[in-house]
């Protein structure tokens, strides 16, 4: 039987990763809009924010994989 904490973490980690992907896509969309209108510094800042979220997702994915591995042992 799966521990309640493990169940909750599985749900949270997958939710957070999806939520972050949505935010990153929105940042990228607006970054391109800003670039199109000549706001190059805004573009760069939004792209940086998107990159940070994507790196965060890499860490969350690693965490999720560790969790899955540890619960199978």
PDB file of N, CA and C in Angstrom:
ATOM      1  N   UNK A   1       0.843  -1.185   0.000  1.00  0.00           N
ATOM      2  CA  UNK A   1       0.000   0.000   0.000  1.00  0.00           C
ATOM      3  C   UNK A   1       0.889   1.250   0.000  1.00  0.00           C
ATOM      4  N   UNK A   2       0.527   2.180  -0.843  1.00  0.00           N
ATOM      5  CA  UNK A   2       1.320   3.385  -1.002  1.00  0.00           C
ATOM      6  C   UNK A   2       1.067   4.364   0.151  1.00  0.00           C
ATOM      7  N   UNK A   3       2.143   4.901   0.656  1.00  0.00           N
ATOM      8  CA  UNK A   3       2.120   5.898   1.707  1.00  0.00           C
ATOM      9  C   UNK A   3       1.400   7.168   1.210  1.00  0.00           C
ATOM     10  N   UNK A   4       0.644   7.821   2.087  1.00  0.00           N
ATOM     11  CA  UNK A   4      -0.091   9.037   1.717  1.00  0.00           C
ATOM     12  C   UNK A   4       0.845  10.154   1.240  1.00  0.00           C
ATOM     13  N   UNK A   5       1.997  10.274   1.874  1.00  0.00           N
ATOM     14  CA  UNK A   5       2.961  11.298   1.461  1.00  0.00           C
ATOM     15  C   UNK A   5       3.438  11.038   0.038  1.00  0.00           C
ATOM     16  N   UNK A   6       3.709   9.784  -0.270  1.00  0.00           N
ATOM     17  CA  UNK A   6       4.158   9.409  -1.611  1.00  0.00           C
ATOM     18  C   UNK A   6       3.069   9.720  -2.636  1.00  0.00           C
ATOM     19  N   UNK A   7       1.839   9.374  -2.323  1.00  0.00           N
ATOM     20  CA  UNK A   7       0.720   9.669  -3.222  1.00  0.00           C
ATOM     21  C   UNK A   7       0.629  11.174  -3.490  1.00  0.00           C
ATOM     22  N   UNK A   8       0.690  11.926  -2.412  1.00  0.00           N
ATOM     23  CA  UNK A   8       0.562  13.383  -2.538  1.00  0.00           C
ATOM     24  C   UNK A   8       1.726  13.972  -3.341  1.00  0.00           C
ATOM     25  N   UNK A   9       2.938  13.506  -3.066  1.00  0.00           N
ATOM     26  CA  UNK A   9       4.103  14.004  -3.808  1.00  0.00           C
ATOM     27  C   UNK A   9       4.007  13.676  -5.293  1.00  0.00           C
ATOM     28  N   UNK A  10       3.532  12.491  -5.622  1.00  0.00           N
ATOM     29  CA  UNK A  10       3.348  12.139  -7.037  1.00  0.00           C
ATOM     30  C   UNK A  10       2.395  13.110  -7.721  1.00  0.00           C
ATOM     31  N   UNK A  11       1.299  13.401  -7.066  1.00  0.00           N
ATOM     32  CA  UNK A  11       0.322  14.335  -7.623  1.00  0.00           C
ATOM     33  C   UNK A  11       0.922  15.739  -7.728  1.00  0.00           C
ATOM     34  N   UNK A  12       1.548  16.188  -6.653  1.00  0.00           N
ATOM     35  CA  UNK A  12       2.107  17.541  -6.638  1.00  0.00           C
ATOM     36  C   UNK A  12       3.210  17.728  -7.666  1.00  0.00           C
ATOM     37  N   UNK A  13       4.130  16.780  -7.726  1.00  0.00           N
ATOM     38  CA  UNK A  13       5.251  16.918  -8.663  1.00  0.00           C
ATOM     39  C   UNK A  13       4.765  16.980 -10.105  1.00  0.00           C
ATOM     40  N   UNK A  14       3.847  16.107 -10.478  1.00  0.00           N
ATOM     41  CA  UNK A  14       3.339  16.146 -11.849  1.00  0.00           C
ATOM     42  C   UNK A  14       2.555  17.437 -12.110  1.00  0.00           C
ATOM     43  N   UNK A  15       1.802  17.878 -11.127  1.00  0.00           N
ATOM     44  CA  UNK A  15       1.053  19.144 -11.269  1.00  0.00           C
ATOM     45  C   UNK A  15       2.014  20.328 -11.417  1.00  0.00           C
ATOM     46  N   UNK A  16       3.024  20.383 -10.555  1.00  0.00           N
ATOM     47  CA  UNK A  16       3.972  21.500 -10.614  1.00  0.00           C
ATOM     48  C   UNK A  16       4.698  21.545 -11.946  1.00  0.00           C
ATOM     49  N   UNK A  17       5.103  20.373 -12.460  1.00  0.00           N
ATOM     50  CA  UNK A  17       5.819  20.355 -13.735  1.00  0.00           C
ATOM     51  C   UNK A  17       4.928  20.852 -14.871  1.00  0.00           C
ATOM     52  N   UNK A  18       3.683  20.407 -14.911  1.00  0.00           N
ATOM     53  CA  UNK A  18       2.765  20.858 -15.946  1.00  0.00           C
ATOM     54  C   UNK A  18       2.491  22.357 -15.807  1.00  0.00           C
ATOM     55  N   UNK A  19       2.263  22.799 -14.601  1.00  0.00           N
ATOM     56  CA  UNK A  19       2.012  24.219 -14.339  1.00  0.00           C
ATOM     57  C   UNK A  19       3.211  25.066 -14.797  1.00  0.00           C
ATOM     58  N   UNK A  20       4.392  24.605 -14.491  1.00  0.00           N
ATOM     59  CA  UNK A  20       5.606  25.322 -14.902  1.00  0.00           C
ATOM     60  C   UNK A  20       5.747  25.365 -16.419  1.00  0.00           C
ATOM     61  N   UNK A  21       5.422  24.248 -17.102  1.00  0.00           N
ATOM     62  CA  UNK A  21       5.485  24.243 -18.570  1.00  0.00           C
ATOM     63  C   UNK A  21       4.542  25.297 -19.148  1.00  0.00           C
ATOM     64  N   UNK A  22       3.366  25.405 -18.569  1.00  0.00           N
ATOM     65  CA  UNK A  22       2.400  26.409 -19.040  1.00  0.00           C
ATOM     66  C   UNK A  22       2.934  27.822 -18.837  1.00  0.00           C
ATOM     67  N   UNK A  23       3.522  28.076 -17.677  1.00  0.00           N
ATOM     68  CA  UNK A  23       4.095  29.401 -17.430  1.00  0.00           C
ATOM     69  C   UNK A  23       5.244  29.692 -18.380  1.00  0.00           C
ATOM     70  N   UNK A  24       6.127  28.746 -18.578  1.00  0.00           N
ATOM     71  CA  UNK A  24       7.274  28.951 -19.473  1.00  0.00           C
ATOM     72  C   UNK A  24       6.793  29.268 -20.891  1.00  0.00           C
ATOM     73  N   UNK A  25       5.777  28.553 -21.347  1.00  0.00           N
ATOM     74  CA  UNK A  25       5.236  28.811 -22.687  1.00  0.00           C
ATOM     75  C   UNK A  25       4.659  30.226 -22.784  1.00  0.00           C
ATOM     76  N   UNK A  26       3.992  30.650 -21.740  1.00  0.00           N
ATOM     77  CA  UNK A  26       3.425  32.007 -21.725  1.00  0.00           C
ATOM     78  C   UNK A  26       4.534  33.063 -21.711  1.00  0.00           C
ATOM     79  N   UNK A  27       5.581  32.830 -20.930  1.00  0.00           N
ATOM     80  CA  UNK A  27       6.723  33.755 -20.914  1.00  0.00           C
ATOM     81  C   UNK A  27       7.356  33.838 -22.294  1.00  0.00           C
ATOM     82  N   UNK A  28       7.524  32.683 -22.947  1.00  0.00           N
ATOM     83  CA  UNK A  28       8.120  32.663 -24.289  1.00  0.00           C
ATOM     84  C   UNK A  28       7.256  33.426 -25.288  1.00  0.00           C
ATOM     85  N   UNK A  29       5.956  33.230 -25.184  1.00  0.00           N
ATOM     86  CA  UNK A  29       5.023  33.925 -26.076  1.00  0.00           C
ATOM     87  C   UNK A  29       5.170  35.443 -25.940  1.00  0.00           C
ATOM     88  N   UNK A  30       5.190  35.905 -24.703  1.00  0.00           N
ATOM     89  CA  UNK A  30       5.287  37.349 -24.486  1.00  0.00           C
ATOM     90  C   UNK A  30       6.689  37.874 -24.742  1.00  0.00           C
ATOM     91  N   UNK A  31       7.672  37.042 -24.556  1.00  0.00           N
ATOM     92  CA  UNK A  31       9.043  37.439 -24.893  1.00  0.00           C
ATOM     93  C   UNK A  31       9.138  37.723 -26.393  1.00  0.00           C
ATOM     94  N   UNK A  32       8.575  36.847 -27.202  1.00  0.00           N
ATOM     95  CA  UNK A  32       8.598  37.063 -28.654  1.00  0.00           C
ATOM     96  C   UNK A  32       7.814  38.309 -29.052  1.00  0.00           C
ATOM     97  N   UNK A  33       6.687  38.530 -28.380  1.00  0.00           N
ATOM     98  CA  UNK A  33       5.902  39.740 -28.661  1.00  0.00           C
ATOM     99  C   UNK A  33       6.720  40.989 -28.327  1.00  0.00           C
ATOM    100  N   UNK A  34       7.371  40.960 -27.177  1.00  0.00           N
ATOM    101  CA  UNK A  34       8.206  42.106 -26.781  1.00  0.00           C
ATOM    102  C   UNK A  34       9.337  42.322 -27.786  1.00  0.00           C
ATOM    103  N   UNK A  35       9.966  41.234 -28.211  1.00  0.00           N
ATOM    104  CA  UNK A  35      11.070  41.334 -29.187  1.00  0.00           C
ATOM    105  C   UNK A  35      10.574  41.928 -30.502  1.00  0.00           C
ATOM    106  N   UNK A  36       9.408  41.477 -30.941  1.00  0.00           N
ATOM    107  CA  UNK A  36       8.809  41.983 -32.177  1.00  0.00           C
ATOM    108  C   UNK A  36       8.598  43.490 -32.116  1.00  0.00           C
ATOM    109  N   UNK A  37       8.273  43.966 -30.931  1.00  0.00           N
ATOM    110  CA  UNK A  37       8.004  45.404 -30.773  1.00  0.00           C
ATOM    111  C   UNK A  37       9.244  46.190 -30.348  1.00  0.00           C
ATOM    112  N   UNK A  38      10.396  45.533 -30.344  1.00  0.00           N
ATOM    113  CA  UNK A  38      11.652  46.229 -30.085  1.00  0.00           C
ATOM    114  C   UNK A  38      12.058  46.317 -28.625  1.00  0.00           C
ATOM    115  N   UNK A  39      11.376  45.625 -27.753  1.00  0.00           N
ATOM    116  CA  UNK A  39      11.714  45.638 -26.330  1.00  0.00           C
ATOM    117  C   UNK A  39      12.703  44.513 -26.023  1.00  0.00           C
ATOM    118  N   UNK A  40      13.936  44.713 -26.446  1.00  0.00           N
ATOM    119  CA  UNK A  40      14.927  43.635 -26.370  1.00  0.00           C
ATOM    120  C   UNK A  40      15.300  43.264 -24.935  1.00  0.00           C
ATOM    121  N   UNK A  41      15.325  44.234 -24.039  1.00  0.00           N
ATOM    122  CA  UNK A  41      15.656  43.919 -22.642  1.00  0.00           C
ATOM    123  C   UNK A  41      14.519  43.138 -21.981  1.00  0.00           C
ATOM    124  N   UNK A  42      13.300  43.486 -22.313  1.00  0.00           N
ATOM    125  CA  UNK A  42      12.148  42.746 -21.788  1.00  0.00           C
ATOM    126  C   UNK A  42      12.181  41.320 -22.342  1.00  0.00           C
ATOM    127  N   UNK A  43      12.459  41.198 -23.629  1.00  0.00           N
ATOM    128  CA  UNK A  43      12.599  39.876 -24.249  1.00  0.00           C
ATOM    129  C   UNK A  43      13.626  39.035 -23.496  1.00  0.00           C
ATOM    130  N   UNK A  44      14.798  39.602 -23.267  1.00  0.00           N
ATOM    131  CA  UNK A  44      15.875  38.862 -22.600  1.00  0.00           C
ATOM    132  C   UNK A  44      15.480  38.450 -21.178  1.00  0.00           C
ATOM    133  N   UNK A  45      14.829  39.344 -20.464  1.00  0.00           N
ATOM    134  CA  UNK A  45      14.425  39.040 -19.085  1.00  0.00           C
ATOM    135  C   UNK A  45      13.371  37.934 -19.054  1.00  0.00           C
ATOM    136  N   UNK A  46      12.409  37.977 -19.956  1.00  0.00           N
ATOM    137  CA  UNK A  46      11.387  36.935 -20.003  1.00  0.00           C
ATOM    138  C   UNK A  46      11.968  35.591 -20.424  1.00  0.00           C
ATOM    139  N   UNK A  47      12.897  35.616 -21.368  1.00  0.00           N
ATOM    140  CA  UNK A  47      13.552  34.368 -21.784  1.00  0.00           C
ATOM    141  C   UNK A  47      14.340  33.774 -20.622  1.00  0.00           C
ATOM    142  N   UNK A  48      14.988  34.624 -19.848  1.00  0.00           N
ATOM    143  CA  UNK A  48      15.730  34.154 -18.673  1.00  0.00           C
ATOM    144  C   UNK A  48      14.766  33.519 -17.659  1.00  0.00           C
ATOM    145  N   UNK A  49      13.631  34.172 -17.451  1.00  0.00           N
ATOM    146  CA  UNK A  49      12.629  33.614 -16.533  1.00  0.00           C
ATOM    147  C   UNK A  49      12.140  32.257 -17.035  1.00  0.00           C
ATOM    148  N   UNK A  50      11.910  32.136 -18.317  1.00  0.00           N
ATOM    149  CA  UNK A  50      11.489  30.870 -18.906  1.00  0.00           C
ATOM    150  C   UNK A  50      12.560  29.796 -18.709  1.00  0.00           C
ATOM    151  N   UNK A  51      13.812  30.163 -18.917  1.00  0.00           N
ATOM    152  CA  UNK A  51      14.919  29.216 -18.735  1.00  0.00           C
ATOM    153  C   UNK A  51      15.008  28.727 -17.291  1.00  0.00           C
ATOM    154  N   UNK A  52      14.804  29.635 -16.351  1.00  0.00           N
ATOM    155  CA  UNK A  52      14.849  29.262 -14.933  1.00  0.00           C
ATOM    156  C   UNK A  52      13.739  28.258 -14.613  1.00  0.00           C
ATOM    157  N   UNK A  53      12.559  28.507 -15.134  1.00  0.00           N
ATOM    158  CA  UNK A  53      11.450  27.578 -14.898  1.00  0.00           C
ATOM    159  C   UNK A  53      11.750  26.210 -15.509  1.00  0.00           C
ATOM    160  N   UNK A  54      12.334  26.209 -16.692  1.00  0.00           N
ATOM    161  CA  UNK A  54      12.663  24.940 -17.331  1.00  0.00           C
ATOM    162  C   UNK A  54      13.731  24.183 -16.532  1.00  0.00           C
ATOM    163  N   UNK A  55      14.691  24.895 -15.977  1.00  0.00           N
ATOM    164  CA  UNK A  55      15.693  24.255 -15.114  1.00  0.00           C
ATOM    165  C   UNK A  55      15.038  23.725 -13.834  1.00  0.00           C
ATOM    166  N   UNK A  56      14.098  24.472 -13.303  1.00  0.00           N
ATOM    167  CA  UNK A  56      13.355  24.005 -12.134  1.00  0.00           C
ATOM    168  C   UNK A  56      12.621  22.713 -12.463  1.00  0.00           C
ATOM    169  N   UNK A  57      12.017  22.655 -13.638  1.00  0.00           N
ATOM    170  CA  UNK A  57      11.327  21.435 -14.033  1.00  0.00           C
ATOM    171  C   UNK A  57      12.279  20.248 -14.143  1.00  0.00           C
ATOM    172  N   UNK A  58      13.497  20.483 -14.591  1.00  0.00           N
ATOM    173  CA  UNK A  58      14.481  19.403 -14.638  1.00  0.00           C
ATOM    174  C   UNK A  58      14.730  18.852 -13.234  1.00  0.00           C
ATOM    175  N   UNK A  59      14.830  19.739 -12.258  1.00  0.00           N
ATOM    176  CA  UNK A  59      15.024  19.319 -10.861  1.00  0.00           C
ATOM    177  C   UNK A  59      13.804  18.581 -10.331  1.00  0.00           C
ATOM    178  N   UNK A  60      12.613  19.068 -10.667  1.00  0.00           N
ATOM    179  CA  UNK A  60      11.393  18.395 -10.225  1.00  0.00           C
ATOM    180  C   UNK A  60      11.266  17.013 -10.858  1.00  0.00           C
ATOM    181  N   UNK A  61      11.632  16.904 -12.128  1.00  0.00           N
ATOM    182  CA  UNK A  61      11.595  15.605 -12.792  1.00  0.00           C
ATOM    183  C   UNK A  61      12.568  14.635 -12.129  1.00  0.00           C
ATOM    184  N   UNK A  62      13.758  15.118 -11.818  1.00  0.00           N
ATOM    185  CA  UNK A  62      14.737  14.283 -11.128  1.00  0.00           C
ATOM    186  C   UNK A  62      14.182  13.825  -9.771  1.00  0.00           C
ATOM    187  N   UNK A  63      13.558  14.732  -9.064  1.00  0.00           N
ATOM    188  CA  UNK A  63      12.949  14.408  -7.777  1.00  0.00           C
ATOM    189  C   UNK A  63      11.880  13.341  -7.945  1.00  0.00           C
ATOM    190  N   UNK A  64      11.032  13.482  -8.958  1.00  0.00           N
ATOM    191  CA  UNK A  64       9.957  12.530  -9.223  1.00  0.00           C
ATOM    192  C   UNK A  64      10.530  11.153  -9.554  1.00  0.00           C
ATOM    193  N   UNK A  65      11.601  11.127 -10.354  1.00  0.00           N
ATOM    194  CA  UNK A  65      12.243   9.858 -10.700  1.00  0.00           C
ATOM    195  C   UNK A  65      12.852   9.184  -9.464  1.00  0.00           C
ATOM    196  N   UNK A  66      13.462   9.968  -8.593  1.00  0.00           N
ATOM    197  CA  UNK A  66      14.008   9.428  -7.343  1.00  0.00           C
ATOM    198  C   UNK A  66      12.887   8.854  -6.496  1.00  0.00           C
ATOM    199  N   UNK A  67      11.805   9.582  -6.386  1.00  0.00           N
ATOM    200  CA  UNK A  67      10.662   9.134  -5.605  1.00  0.00           C
ATOM    201  C   UNK A  67      10.126   7.799  -6.130  1.00  0.00           C
ATOM    202  N   UNK A  68       9.976   7.711  -7.456  1.00  0.00           N
ATOM    203  CA  UNK A  68       9.484   6.474  -8.061  1.00  0.00           C
ATOM    204  C   UNK A  68      10.438   5.316  -7.812  1.00  0.00           C
ATOM    205  N   UNK A  69      11.727   5.587  -7.938  1.00  0.00           N
ATOM    206  CA  UNK A  69      12.736   4.546  -7.719  1.00  0.00           C
ATOM    207  C   UNK A  69      12.714   4.059  -6.266  1.00  0.00           C
ATOM    208  N   UNK A  70      12.667   4.991  -5.346  1.00  0.00           N
ATOM    209  CA  UNK A  70      12.706   4.639  -3.913  1.00  0.00           C
ATOM    210  C   UNK A  70      11.445   3.901  -3.471  1.00  0.00           C
ATOM    211  N   UNK A  71      10.334   4.196  -4.102  1.00  0.00           N
ATOM    212  CA  UNK A  71       9.099   3.529  -3.685  1.00  0.00           C
ATOM    213  C   UNK A  71       8.975   2.137  -4.289  1.00  0.00           C
ATOM    214  N   UNK A  72       9.796   1.828  -5.284  1.00  0.00           N
ATOM    215  CA  UNK A  72       9.788   0.490  -5.874  1.00  0.00           C
ATOM    216  C   UNK A  72      10.707  -0.463  -5.120  1.00  0.00           C
ATOM    217  N   UNK A  73      11.610   0.097  -4.340  1.00  0.00           N
ATOM    218  CA  UNK A  73      12.581  -0.736  -3.601  1.00  0.00           C
ATOM    219  C   UNK A  73      11.963  -1.372  -2.399  1.00  0.00           C
TER     220      UNK A  73
END
